[in-house]
Structure formats: structure tokens, C-alpha cells
N, C-alpha and C. Protein backbone atom coordinates (compact mmCIF):
# COMPACT_ATOMS: atom_id res chain seq x y z
N UNK A 1 46.56 -139.90 -203.93
CA UNK A 1 47.02 -138.91 -202.66
C UNK A 1 45.88 -137.48 -202.66
N UNK A 2 45.91 -137.21 -203.77
CA UNK A 2 44.93 -135.99 -203.86
C UNK A 2 43.36 -136.17 -203.42
N UNK A 3 43.06 -137.26 -204.06
CA UNK A 3 42.05 -137.65 -203.34
C UNK A 3 41.59 -137.83 -202.04
N UNK A 4 42.62 -138.42 -201.37
CA UNK A 4 42.58 -138.74 -199.78
C UNK A 4 42.76 -137.18 -199.00
N UNK A 5 43.72 -136.12 -199.73
CA UNK A 5 43.80 -134.71 -199.03
C UNK A 5 42.26 -134.34 -199.35
N UNK A 6 41.71 -134.37 -200.46
CA UNK A 6 40.52 -133.57 -200.68
C UNK A 6 39.30 -134.36 -199.82
N UNK A 7 39.23 -135.80 -199.59
CA UNK A 7 38.44 -136.44 -198.88
C UNK A 7 38.44 -135.73 -197.10
N UNK A 8 39.79 -135.92 -196.84
CA UNK A 8 40.26 -135.33 -195.29
C UNK A 8 39.82 -133.80 -195.26
N UNK A 9 39.84 -133.10 -196.22
CA UNK A 9 39.59 -131.64 -195.80
C UNK A 9 38.02 -131.62 -195.83
N UNK A 10 37.41 -132.35 -196.99
CA UNK A 10 35.82 -132.04 -196.91
C UNK A 10 35.25 -132.72 -195.58
N UNK A 11 35.99 -133.73 -194.87
CA UNK A 11 35.51 -134.35 -193.67
C UNK A 11 35.84 -133.16 -192.54
N UNK A 12 36.89 -132.57 -192.55
CA UNK A 12 37.37 -131.60 -191.66
C UNK A 12 36.28 -130.42 -191.64
N UNK A 13 35.82 -129.99 -193.00
CA UNK A 13 35.12 -128.98 -193.02
C UNK A 13 33.60 -129.36 -192.36
N UNK A 14 33.16 -130.72 -192.64
CA UNK A 14 31.91 -131.14 -192.06
C UNK A 14 31.74 -131.14 -190.36
N UNK A 15 33.03 -131.40 -190.16
CA UNK A 15 33.29 -131.78 -188.62
C UNK A 15 33.00 -130.21 -188.10
N UNK A 16 33.66 -129.25 -188.79
CA UNK A 16 33.70 -127.75 -188.44
C UNK A 16 32.27 -127.37 -188.20
N UNK A 17 31.73 -127.73 -189.28
CA UNK A 17 30.23 -127.41 -189.77
C UNK A 17 29.21 -128.13 -188.82
N UNK A 18 29.53 -129.16 -188.43
CA UNK A 18 28.92 -129.71 -187.51
C UNK A 18 28.77 -129.07 -185.74
N UNK A 19 30.28 -128.87 -185.58
CA UNK A 19 30.56 -128.29 -184.20
C UNK A 19 30.09 -126.54 -184.47
N UNK A 20 29.77 -126.20 -185.19
CA UNK A 20 29.50 -124.47 -185.65
C UNK A 20 28.09 -124.30 -184.55
N UNK A 21 27.12 -125.27 -185.09
CA UNK A 21 25.63 -124.83 -184.21
C UNK A 21 25.92 -125.02 -182.83
N UNK A 22 26.81 -126.27 -182.49
CA UNK A 22 27.06 -126.55 -180.87
C UNK A 22 27.64 -125.37 -180.31
N UNK A 23 28.89 -124.87 -181.03
CA UNK A 23 29.58 -123.58 -180.44
C UNK A 23 28.41 -122.26 -180.50
N UNK A 24 27.86 -122.18 -181.49
CA UNK A 24 26.92 -121.07 -181.54
C UNK A 24 25.81 -121.14 -180.21
N UNK A 25 25.37 -122.20 -180.06
CA UNK A 25 24.57 -122.46 -179.04
C UNK A 25 25.19 -121.99 -177.54
N UNK A 26 26.44 -122.41 -177.46
CA UNK A 26 27.11 -122.25 -176.39
C UNK A 26 27.42 -120.99 -176.31
N UNK A 27 27.59 -120.15 -177.36
CA UNK A 27 28.05 -118.80 -177.46
C UNK A 27 26.79 -117.84 -176.84
N UNK A 28 25.71 -118.34 -177.49
CA UNK A 28 24.41 -117.62 -176.94
C UNK A 28 23.89 -117.91 -175.60
N UNK A 29 24.19 -118.97 -174.79
CA UNK A 29 23.89 -119.35 -173.51
C UNK A 29 24.93 -118.46 -172.92
N UNK A 30 26.15 -118.33 -173.09
CA UNK A 30 27.39 -117.51 -172.56
C UNK A 30 26.73 -116.17 -172.44
N UNK A 31 26.35 -115.63 -173.70
CA UNK A 31 25.91 -114.41 -173.92
C UNK A 31 24.67 -114.11 -173.00
N UNK A 32 23.71 -114.93 -173.13
CA UNK A 32 22.56 -114.96 -171.96
C UNK A 32 22.71 -114.87 -170.36
N UNK A 33 23.75 -115.50 -170.03
CA UNK A 33 24.35 -115.69 -168.93
C UNK A 33 24.89 -114.43 -168.63
N UNK A 34 25.75 -113.87 -169.26
CA UNK A 34 26.63 -112.80 -169.25
C UNK A 34 25.31 -111.55 -169.07
N UNK A 35 24.48 -111.57 -169.98
CA UNK A 35 23.41 -110.76 -169.57
C UNK A 35 22.59 -110.69 -168.37
N UNK A 36 22.19 -111.75 -168.06
CA UNK A 36 21.63 -112.18 -166.46
C UNK A 36 22.65 -111.41 -165.23
N UNK A 37 23.91 -111.95 -165.67
CA UNK A 37 24.94 -111.45 -164.47
C UNK A 37 24.75 -109.88 -164.48
N UNK A 38 24.93 -109.11 -165.61
CA UNK A 38 24.93 -107.62 -165.68
C UNK A 38 23.69 -107.16 -165.18
N UNK A 39 22.47 -107.66 -165.44
CA UNK A 39 21.31 -107.23 -165.04
C UNK A 39 21.36 -107.48 -163.38
N UNK A 40 21.59 -108.53 -162.81
CA UNK A 40 21.53 -108.69 -161.58
C UNK A 40 22.72 -107.69 -160.90
N UNK A 41 23.71 -107.66 -161.60
CA UNK A 41 24.62 -106.58 -160.73
C UNK A 41 24.43 -105.24 -160.77
N UNK A 42 23.30 -104.62 -161.91
CA UNK A 42 22.78 -103.52 -161.80
C UNK A 42 21.57 -103.41 -160.63
N UNK A 43 20.98 -104.42 -160.63
CA UNK A 43 20.20 -104.27 -159.64
C UNK A 43 20.53 -104.24 -157.94
N UNK A 44 21.79 -105.16 -157.95
CA UNK A 44 22.32 -105.12 -156.73
C UNK A 44 22.88 -103.74 -156.28
N UNK A 45 23.58 -102.61 -157.39
CA UNK A 45 24.04 -101.66 -157.31
C UNK A 45 22.86 -100.87 -157.00
N UNK A 46 21.87 -100.79 -157.81
CA UNK A 46 20.89 -99.81 -157.38
C UNK A 46 20.32 -100.04 -155.94
N UNK A 47 20.16 -101.41 -155.52
CA UNK A 47 19.91 -101.49 -154.19
C UNK A 47 20.83 -100.71 -153.09
N UNK A 48 22.10 -100.93 -153.35
CA UNK A 48 23.04 -100.78 -152.66
C UNK A 48 22.98 -99.08 -152.58
N UNK A 49 23.02 -98.34 -153.67
CA UNK A 49 22.80 -96.98 -153.78
C UNK A 49 21.77 -96.28 -153.09
N UNK A 50 20.79 -97.35 -153.05
CA UNK A 50 19.64 -96.67 -152.18
C UNK A 50 19.73 -96.58 -150.90
N UNK A 51 20.25 -97.93 -150.61
CA UNK A 51 20.59 -97.90 -149.02
C UNK A 51 21.60 -96.92 -148.72
N UNK A 52 22.54 -96.78 -149.25
CA UNK A 52 23.69 -95.55 -148.88
C UNK A 52 22.96 -94.19 -149.15
N UNK A 53 22.22 -93.93 -149.98
CA UNK A 53 21.55 -92.75 -149.85
C UNK A 53 20.62 -92.38 -148.31
N UNK A 54 19.78 -93.70 -148.00
CA UNK A 54 19.04 -93.61 -146.74
C UNK A 54 20.00 -93.32 -145.84
N UNK A 55 21.20 -94.20 -145.83
CA UNK A 55 22.12 -93.92 -144.48
C UNK A 55 22.68 -92.38 -144.46
N UNK A 56 23.01 -91.93 -145.51
CA UNK A 56 23.57 -90.43 -145.69
C UNK A 56 22.49 -89.80 -145.25
N UNK A 57 21.13 -89.72 -145.72
CA UNK A 57 20.02 -88.75 -144.95
C UNK A 57 20.15 -89.07 -143.49
N UNK A 58 20.09 -90.38 -143.12
CA UNK A 58 20.10 -90.40 -141.30
C UNK A 58 21.22 -89.71 -140.92
N UNK A 59 22.45 -89.83 -141.43
CA UNK A 59 23.61 -89.05 -140.77
C UNK A 59 23.63 -87.71 -141.17
N UNK A 60 22.73 -87.36 -141.95
CA UNK A 60 22.82 -85.74 -141.95
C UNK A 60 22.17 -85.11 -141.19
N UNK A 61 21.02 -86.10 -140.92
CA UNK A 61 19.47 -85.62 -139.94
C UNK A 61 20.34 -85.45 -138.47
N UNK A 62 21.27 -86.42 -138.16
CA UNK A 62 21.72 -86.66 -136.87
C UNK A 62 22.94 -85.33 -136.77
N UNK A 63 23.75 -84.97 -137.94
CA UNK A 63 24.30 -83.98 -137.93
C UNK A 63 23.69 -82.54 -137.71
N UNK A 64 22.47 -82.50 -138.47
CA UNK A 64 21.62 -81.34 -138.24
C UNK A 64 21.07 -81.14 -136.61
N UNK A 65 20.63 -82.27 -136.16
CA UNK A 65 20.09 -82.22 -134.85
C UNK A 65 21.40 -81.80 -133.78
N UNK A 66 22.39 -82.28 -134.09
CA UNK A 66 23.72 -82.00 -133.14
C UNK A 66 24.08 -80.68 -133.30
N UNK A 67 24.06 -80.19 -134.37
CA UNK A 67 24.00 -78.75 -134.86
C UNK A 67 23.39 -77.76 -134.21
N UNK A 68 22.20 -77.89 -134.34
CA UNK A 68 20.82 -77.34 -133.60
C UNK A 68 21.10 -77.63 -132.03
N UNK A 69 21.42 -78.57 -131.42
CA UNK A 69 21.62 -78.76 -130.19
C UNK A 69 22.90 -77.87 -129.58
N UNK A 70 23.88 -78.00 -130.34
CA UNK A 70 25.24 -77.07 -130.23
C UNK A 70 24.97 -75.37 -130.02
N UNK A 71 24.04 -75.27 -131.19
CA UNK A 71 23.72 -73.87 -131.40
C UNK A 71 22.99 -73.34 -129.91
N UNK A 72 21.89 -74.12 -129.71
CA UNK A 72 21.37 -73.85 -128.38
C UNK A 72 21.83 -73.76 -127.17
N UNK A 73 23.05 -74.64 -126.99
CA UNK A 73 23.87 -74.66 -125.71
C UNK A 73 24.79 -73.21 -125.82
N UNK A 74 25.39 -72.93 -127.06
CA UNK A 74 25.98 -71.64 -127.34
C UNK A 74 25.43 -70.64 -126.92
N UNK A 75 24.12 -70.47 -127.56
CA UNK A 75 23.26 -69.21 -127.26
C UNK A 75 22.91 -69.34 -125.70
N UNK A 76 22.56 -70.39 -125.06
CA UNK A 76 22.21 -70.39 -123.74
C UNK A 76 23.49 -69.74 -123.10
N UNK A 77 24.60 -70.21 -123.17
CA UNK A 77 26.14 -69.57 -122.78
C UNK A 77 26.05 -68.23 -122.98
N UNK A 78 25.98 -67.80 -124.01
CA UNK A 78 26.21 -66.44 -124.55
C UNK A 78 25.19 -65.35 -123.63
N UNK A 79 23.97 -66.13 -123.17
CA UNK A 79 22.97 -65.30 -122.78
C UNK A 79 22.98 -65.19 -121.23
N UNK A 80 23.87 -66.44 -120.83
CA UNK A 80 24.23 -66.41 -119.20
C UNK A 80 25.31 -65.49 -119.12
N UNK A 81 26.52 -65.64 -119.98
CA UNK A 81 27.55 -64.37 -120.00
C UNK A 81 27.18 -63.19 -119.88
N UNK A 82 26.24 -63.01 -120.66
CA UNK A 82 25.55 -61.45 -120.94
C UNK A 82 24.67 -60.95 -119.54
N UNK A 83 23.95 -62.03 -119.15
CA UNK A 83 23.43 -61.83 -117.62
C UNK A 83 24.48 -61.46 -116.77
N UNK A 84 25.29 -62.17 -116.86
CA UNK A 84 26.31 -62.24 -115.61
C UNK A 84 27.12 -60.90 -115.78
N UNK A 85 27.20 -60.59 -116.96
CA UNK A 85 27.96 -59.09 -117.35
C UNK A 85 27.16 -58.20 -116.59
N UNK A 86 25.82 -58.29 -116.96
CA UNK A 86 24.82 -57.13 -116.90
C UNK A 86 24.86 -56.84 -115.13
N UNK A 87 24.93 -58.04 -114.58
CA UNK A 87 24.80 -57.98 -113.10
C UNK A 87 26.07 -57.09 -112.35
N UNK A 88 27.23 -57.29 -112.81
CA UNK A 88 28.38 -56.67 -112.46
C UNK A 88 28.33 -55.56 -112.62
N UNK A 89 27.88 -54.82 -113.38
CA UNK A 89 27.93 -53.52 -113.58
C UNK A 89 27.31 -52.55 -112.57
């Protein structure tokens, strides 16, 4: 009985050892895949950040143009009001 148990334990150990290389290979492949996915995600994030920065710069330029135009209109209206006031004196 003991001999059978020892042989069964030895066979189980050999099976685990045989699977170990396969398991290690699968784990290494999974780690490689995870690393590639992480690198790809980092590249996508960098590209998206760059595009968002470009969009923000365009929006800032448009806002600056609109502010300058509004300031010009305000200046012209102020000048027109001052001229009108001066004519009424």
C-alpha cells in the first residue's frame, strides 16, 4: 500500500514538473502580451493627449480672437459715445 502511495505521489510530482514548463511558458506569454498592451495604451494616451493639447490651443486662439474683436467693438462704441457727447456741448 505504501509503495502504491509513493508511486502515485512520484507520478503526480512528475506531472506537475512536466506542466511547470508549459505553465511558465504560458505565464511568460501572458506577461509579454500584458506588456505590449500597456505600451500600446501608453502610445494611445500620448497621441490623445497631443491631440487634446492641439484642440485646446485652437480654442484658446479662437477665444483670444473673439476677445480682441469684442475689445475693438467696445472701443469703437466708447469713442462714438464720447464723440456724440462732445457734439452736444
